[in-house]
Every structure is written in structure tokens, then in C-alpha cells.
């Protein structure tokens, strides 16, 4: 027995694919940053972070910790972003793609600032955009799902 499933994507779905792909490049950038700073700091695997002694001995160890935290923080956000982007894109693909794309750009700025070794530099004019993009997508996903559920109830 075989089944055929037909799926029609709304116009603009390619932008959602591109924005989703952009997050992978953010992760690759962060991974490369962490590896580079790990080497400079002399932090051996499997340590996730440099300890206080290592940070006192090598200023690159703090930068490594900051880069590692930027990467971890991004990984913490991604399930929320992927879900909310895909749900929003069911009805509003272009706004969903734009929001995720801006979020990706903001995370690059966040990572550059944070991995400087000065944690305060993680907040800059571009990096702070990740907050409204993430919460905007969550709100848009909620609105989209509510519309879809109400349409089902009314049908």
C-alpha cells in the first residue's frame, strides 16, 4: 500500500527556508569562535568552561567562556525559534522569515561582542534585536495558531 501526500506551501516559504538555514551559519560561526578561543586559552577537552584559575592565568580563558556561553545561549533559543517561525509561517511566511533572519544577524553581533572577553559587550545596538524577534515570533505563532483553531471550530 502506498500513500501520496500533497503539500502546498504558501508563497514566501523559500524565505522561511533561507532564514532557517541562516541559523545554521550562526552556529557554525559560533563553533569556530569557540574553537579558536579554546585553543588560545589552552582549555583542554572535555572541559566546557575555563575555571577561575585558568581565567586568572590567561585572559583568553574568559573570552573562551563568554564565546561558549553565547553558543550555549543560542542553542537554548533555537527550539523556541524554529517552532514559532514554522507555526507563524503557516499563514505569514515572509514576516516569519524576516524576523528569524534579523534574529540570526543579531546573534552574530551578540557573539562578536560577548566573545571579546567583556560580557557587557554582548548587548549592543544590533544584538538587542534578538529579544523583540524571539518574543515577536512567539506572539505571532500564538496568533496564527489561534486563527487556525478558530477557523476549524467555525467550520
C-alpha atoms as a PDB file:
ATOM      1  CA  UNK A   1       0.000   0.000   0.000  1.00  0.00           C
ATOM      2  CA  UNK A   2       1.324   3.431  -0.866  1.00  0.00           C
ATOM      3  CA  UNK A   3       0.165   6.878   0.063  1.00  0.00           C
ATOM      4  CA  UNK A   4       0.510  10.137  -1.743  1.00  0.00           C
ATOM      5  CA  UNK A   5       0.656  13.278   0.290  1.00  0.00           C
ATOM      6  CA  UNK A   6       0.240  16.613  -1.360  1.00  0.00           C
ATOM      7  CA  UNK A   7       1.562  19.656   0.413  1.00  0.00           C
ATOM      8  CA  UNK A   8       1.044  23.149  -0.849  1.00  0.00           C
ATOM      9  CA  UNK A   9       3.354  25.709   0.668  1.00  0.00           C
ATOM     10  CA  UNK A  10       2.312  29.342   0.763  1.00  0.00           C
ATOM     11  CA  UNK A  11       4.220  31.823  -1.384  1.00  0.00           C
ATOM     12  CA  UNK A  12       7.229  33.041   0.560  1.00  0.00           C
ATOM     13  CA  UNK A  13       8.107  29.665   2.031  1.00  0.00           C
ATOM     14  CA  UNK A  14      11.506  29.755   0.363  1.00  0.00           C
ATOM     15  CA  UNK A  15      12.315  32.769   2.531  1.00  0.00           C
ATOM     16  CA  UNK A  16      11.493  30.727   5.621  1.00  0.00           C
ATOM     17  CA  UNK A  17      13.880  28.033   4.392  1.00  0.00           C
ATOM     18  CA  UNK A  18      16.596  30.644   3.831  1.00  0.00           C
ATOM     19  CA  UNK A  19      16.082  32.195   7.272  1.00  0.00           C
ATOM     20  CA  UNK A  20      16.175  28.769   8.914  1.00  0.00           C
ATOM     21  CA  UNK A  21      19.378  27.980   7.043  1.00  0.00           C
ATOM     22  CA  UNK A  22      20.874  31.256   8.300  1.00  0.00           C
ATOM     23  CA  UNK A  23      20.688  29.928  11.857  1.00  0.00           C
ATOM     24  CA  UNK A  24      22.991  27.067  10.875  1.00  0.00           C
ATOM     25  CA  UNK A  25      25.563  29.583   9.697  1.00  0.00           C
ATOM     26  CA  UNK A  26      25.237  31.397  13.017  1.00  0.00           C
ATOM     27  CA  UNK A  27      26.013  28.114  14.792  1.00  0.00           C
ATOM     28  CA  UNK A  28      28.989  27.429  12.527  1.00  0.00           C
ATOM     29  CA  UNK A  29      30.329  30.930  13.232  1.00  0.00           C
ATOM     30  CA  UNK A  30      29.908  30.362  16.959  1.00  0.00           C
ATOM     31  CA  UNK A  31      31.539  26.926  16.860  1.00  0.00           C
ATOM     32  CA  UNK A  32      34.539  28.349  15.012  1.00  0.00           C
ATOM     33  CA  UNK A  33      34.779  31.194  17.533  1.00  0.00           C
ATOM     34  CA  UNK A  34      34.667  28.788  20.471  1.00  0.00           C
ATOM     35  CA  UNK A  35      37.311  26.501  18.924  1.00  0.00           C
ATOM     36  CA  UNK A  36      39.625  29.422  18.168  1.00  0.00           C
ATOM     37  CA  UNK A  37      39.347  30.793  21.700  1.00  0.00           C
ATOM     38  CA  UNK A  38      39.641  27.330  23.256  1.00  0.00           C
ATOM     39  CA  UNK A  39      42.988  26.947  21.505  1.00  0.00           C
ATOM     40  CA  UNK A  40      44.191  30.420  22.544  1.00  0.00           C
ATOM     41  CA  UNK A  41      43.138  29.787  26.135  1.00  0.00           C
ATOM     42  CA  UNK A  42      44.633  26.295  26.253  1.00  0.00           C
ATOM     43  CA  UNK A  43      41.411  24.757  27.581  1.00  0.00           C
ATOM     44  CA  UNK A  44      41.544  21.004  27.020  1.00  0.00           C
ATOM     45  CA  UNK A  45      38.595  18.845  26.085  1.00  0.00           C
ATOM     46  CA  UNK A  46      36.212  17.780  27.588  1.00  0.00           C
ATOM     47  CA  UNK A  47      36.050  20.930  29.762  1.00  0.00           C
ATOM     48  CA  UNK A  48      33.097  23.089  28.792  1.00  0.00           C
ATOM     49  CA  UNK A  49      34.380  26.192  30.573  1.00  0.00           C
ATOM     50  CA  UNK A  50      37.630  27.529  31.975  1.00  0.00           C
ATOM     51  CA  UNK A  51      37.836  27.603  35.763  1.00  0.00           C
ATOM     52  CA  UNK A  52      38.788  30.614  37.896  1.00  0.00           C
ATOM     53  CA  UNK A  53      42.473  29.654  37.964  1.00  0.00           C
ATOM     54  CA  UNK A  54      42.635  29.331  34.181  1.00  0.00           C
ATOM     55  CA  UNK A  55      40.934  32.693  33.753  1.00  0.00           C
ATOM     56  CA  UNK A  56      43.422  34.331  36.149  1.00  0.00           C
ATOM     57  CA  UNK A  57      46.354  32.868  34.205  1.00  0.00           C
ATOM     58  CA  UNK A  58      45.129  33.573  30.673  1.00  0.00           C
ATOM     59  CA  UNK A  59      42.811  36.438  29.617  1.00  0.00           C
ATOM     60  CA  UNK A  60      41.742  34.352  26.621  1.00  0.00           C
ATOM     61  CA  UNK A  61      40.074  31.920  29.042  1.00  0.00           C
ATOM     62  CA  UNK A  62      37.422  34.495  29.943  1.00  0.00           C
ATOM     63  CA  UNK A  63      36.849  35.205  26.241  1.00  0.00           C
ATOM     64  CA  UNK A  64      36.507  31.450  25.681  1.00  0.00           C
ATOM     65  CA  UNK A  65      33.921  31.199  28.478  1.00  0.00           C
ATOM     66  CA  UNK A  66      31.996  34.105  27.003  1.00  0.00           C
ATOM     67  CA  UNK A  67      32.023  32.595  23.487  1.00  0.00           C
ATOM     68  CA  UNK A  68      30.991  29.230  24.886  1.00  0.00           C
ATOM     69  CA  UNK A  69      28.106  30.868  26.762  1.00  0.00           C
ATOM     70  CA  UNK A  70      26.997  32.771  23.648  1.00  0.00           C
ATOM     71  CA  UNK A  71      26.879  29.493  21.751  1.00  0.00           C
ATOM     72  CA  UNK A  72      25.007  27.697  24.553  1.00  0.00           C
ATOM     73  CA  UNK A  73      22.517  30.547  24.841  1.00  0.00           C
ATOM     74  CA  UNK A  74      21.829  30.356  21.113  1.00  0.00           C
ATOM     75  CA  UNK A  75      21.202  26.610  21.374  1.00  0.00           C
ATOM     76  CA  UNK A  76      18.730  27.319  24.187  1.00  0.00           C
ATOM     77  CA  UNK A  77      16.746  29.681  21.959  1.00  0.00           C
ATOM     78  CA  UNK A  78      16.624  27.573  18.792  1.00  0.00           C
ATOM     79  CA  UNK A  79      13.765  25.180  19.688  1.00  0.00           C
ATOM     80  CA  UNK A  80      11.551  28.162  20.523  1.00  0.00           C
ATOM     81  CA  UNK A  81      12.571  29.983  17.355  1.00  0.00           C
ATOM     82  CA  UNK A  82      12.209  27.039  14.997  1.00  0.00           C
ATOM     83  CA  UNK A  83       8.782  26.176  16.361  1.00  0.00           C
ATOM     84  CA  UNK A  84       7.457  29.721  16.436  1.00  0.00           C
ATOM     85  CA  UNK A  85       8.870  30.516  12.981  1.00  0.00           C
ATOM     86  CA  UNK A  86       7.357  27.441  11.374  1.00  0.00           C
ATOM     87  CA  UNK A  87       3.976  27.992  13.036  1.00  0.00           C
ATOM     88  CA  UNK A  88       3.904  31.667  12.066  1.00  0.00           C
ATOM     89  CA  UNK A  89       4.949  30.752   8.518  1.00  0.00           C
ATOM     90  CA  UNK A  90       1.796  28.664   8.067  1.00  0.00           C
ATOM     91  CA  UNK A  91      -0.022  31.949   7.367  1.00  0.00           C
ATOM     92  CA  UNK A  92       2.661  34.650   7.407  1.00  0.00           C
ATOM     93  CA  UNK A  93       5.831  33.237   5.867  1.00  0.00           C
ATOM     94  CA  UNK A  94       7.535  36.478   4.880  1.00  0.00           C
ATOM     95  CA  UNK A  95       7.209  38.201   8.287  1.00  0.00           C
ATOM     96  CA  UNK A  96       8.306  34.948   9.944  1.00  0.00           C
ATOM     97  CA  UNK A  97      11.353  34.708   7.685  1.00  0.00           C
ATOM     98  CA  UNK A  98      12.255  38.361   8.214  1.00  0.00           C
ATOM     99  CA  UNK A  99      12.062  38.014  11.993  1.00  0.00           C
ATOM    100  CA  UNK A 100      14.239  34.895  12.028  1.00  0.00           C
ATOM    101  CA  UNK A 101      16.714  36.466   9.609  1.00  0.00           C
ATOM    102  CA  UNK A 102      17.055  39.562  11.793  1.00  0.00           C
ATOM    103  CA  UNK A 103      17.460  37.268  14.815  1.00  0.00           C
ATOM    104  CA  UNK A 104      20.356  35.499  13.070  1.00  0.00           C
ATOM    105  CA  UNK A 105      22.122  38.766  12.308  1.00  0.00           C
ATOM    106  CA  UNK A 106      21.603  39.899  15.891  1.00  0.00           C
ATOM    107  CA  UNK A 107      23.161  36.682  17.220  1.00  0.00           C
ATOM    108  CA  UNK A 108      26.305  37.263  15.189  1.00  0.00           C
ATOM    109  CA  UNK A 109      26.609  40.721  16.765  1.00  0.00           C
ATOM    110  CA  UNK A 110      25.872  39.190  20.179  1.00  0.00           C
ATOM    111  CA  UNK A 111      28.601  36.590  19.705  1.00  0.00           C
ATOM    112  CA  UNK A 112      31.195  39.098  18.495  1.00  0.00           C
ATOM    113  CA  UNK A 113      30.505  41.379  21.448  1.00  0.00           C
ATOM    114  CA  UNK A 114      30.358  38.616  24.048  1.00  0.00           C
ATOM    115  CA  UNK A 115      33.456  36.768  22.840  1.00  0.00           C
ATOM    116  CA  UNK A 116      35.511  39.952  23.218  1.00  0.00           C
ATOM    117  CA  UNK A 117      36.005  38.844  26.808  1.00  0.00           C
ATOM    118  CA  UNK A 118      33.898  41.708  28.122  1.00  0.00           C
ATOM    119  CA  UNK A 119      30.465  40.210  28.870  1.00  0.00           C
ATOM    120  CA  UNK A 120      28.855  43.660  28.817  1.00  0.00           C
ATOM    121  CA  UNK A 121      29.631  43.967  25.102  1.00  0.00           C
ATOM    122  CA  UNK A 122      27.119  41.220  24.330  1.00  0.00           C
ATOM    123  CA  UNK A 123      24.464  43.947  24.446  1.00  0.00           C
ATOM    124  CA  UNK A 124      24.899  46.310  21.519  1.00  0.00           C
ATOM    125  CA  UNK A 125      22.686  48.145  19.047  1.00  0.00           C
ATOM    126  CA  UNK A 126      22.303  45.082  16.814  1.00  0.00           C
ATOM    127  CA  UNK A 127      22.437  42.232  19.327  1.00  0.00           C
ATOM    128  CA  UNK A 128      19.485  43.518  21.348  1.00  0.00           C
ATOM    129  CA  UNK A 129      17.229  42.880  18.352  1.00  0.00           C
ATOM    130  CA  UNK A 130      17.134  39.184  19.228  1.00  0.00           C
ATOM    131  CA  UNK A 131      14.728  39.894  22.088  1.00  0.00           C
ATOM    132  CA  UNK A 132      11.902  41.509  20.065  1.00  0.00           C
ATOM    133  CA  UNK A 133      12.405  38.991  17.247  1.00  0.00           C
ATOM    134  CA  UNK A 134      12.126  35.969  19.560  1.00  0.00           C
ATOM    135  CA  UNK A 135       9.150  37.280  21.505  1.00  0.00           C
ATOM    136  CA  UNK A 136       7.562  38.673  18.353  1.00  0.00           C
ATOM    137  CA  UNK A 137       7.733  35.251  16.734  1.00  0.00           C
ATOM    138  CA  UNK A 138       6.252  33.634  19.825  1.00  0.00           C
ATOM    139  CA  UNK A 139       3.371  36.118  19.786  1.00  0.00           C
ATOM    140  CA  UNK A 140       2.876  35.711  16.042  1.00  0.00           C
ATOM    141  CA  UNK A 141       2.857  31.920  16.379  1.00  0.00           C
ATOM    142  CA  UNK A 142       0.251  32.145  19.127  1.00  0.00           C
ATOM    143  CA  UNK A 143      -1.893  34.449  16.980  1.00  0.00           C
ATOM    144  CA  UNK A 144      -1.517  32.179  13.934  1.00  0.00           C
ATOM    145  CA  UNK A 145      -2.445  29.026  15.824  1.00  0.00           C
ATOM    146  CA  UNK A 146      -5.419  30.768  17.431  1.00  0.00           C
ATOM    147  CA  UNK A 147      -6.635  31.804  13.968  1.00  0.00           C
ATOM    148  CA  UNK A 148      -6.260  28.272  12.660  1.00  0.00           C
ATOM    149  CA  UNK A 149      -8.029  26.701  15.636  1.00  0.00           C
ATOM    150  CA  UNK A 150     -10.894  29.213  15.475  1.00  0.00           C
ATOM    151  CA  UNK A 151     -11.284  28.552  11.745  1.00  0.00           C
ATOM    152  CA  UNK A 152     -11.569  24.819  12.491  1.00  0.00           C
ATOM    153  CA  UNK A 153     -14.142  25.397  15.221  1.00  0.00           C
ATOM    154  CA  UNK A 154     -16.243  27.628  12.959  1.00  0.00           C
ATOM    155  CA  UNK A 155     -16.106  25.212  10.022  1.00  0.00           C
END
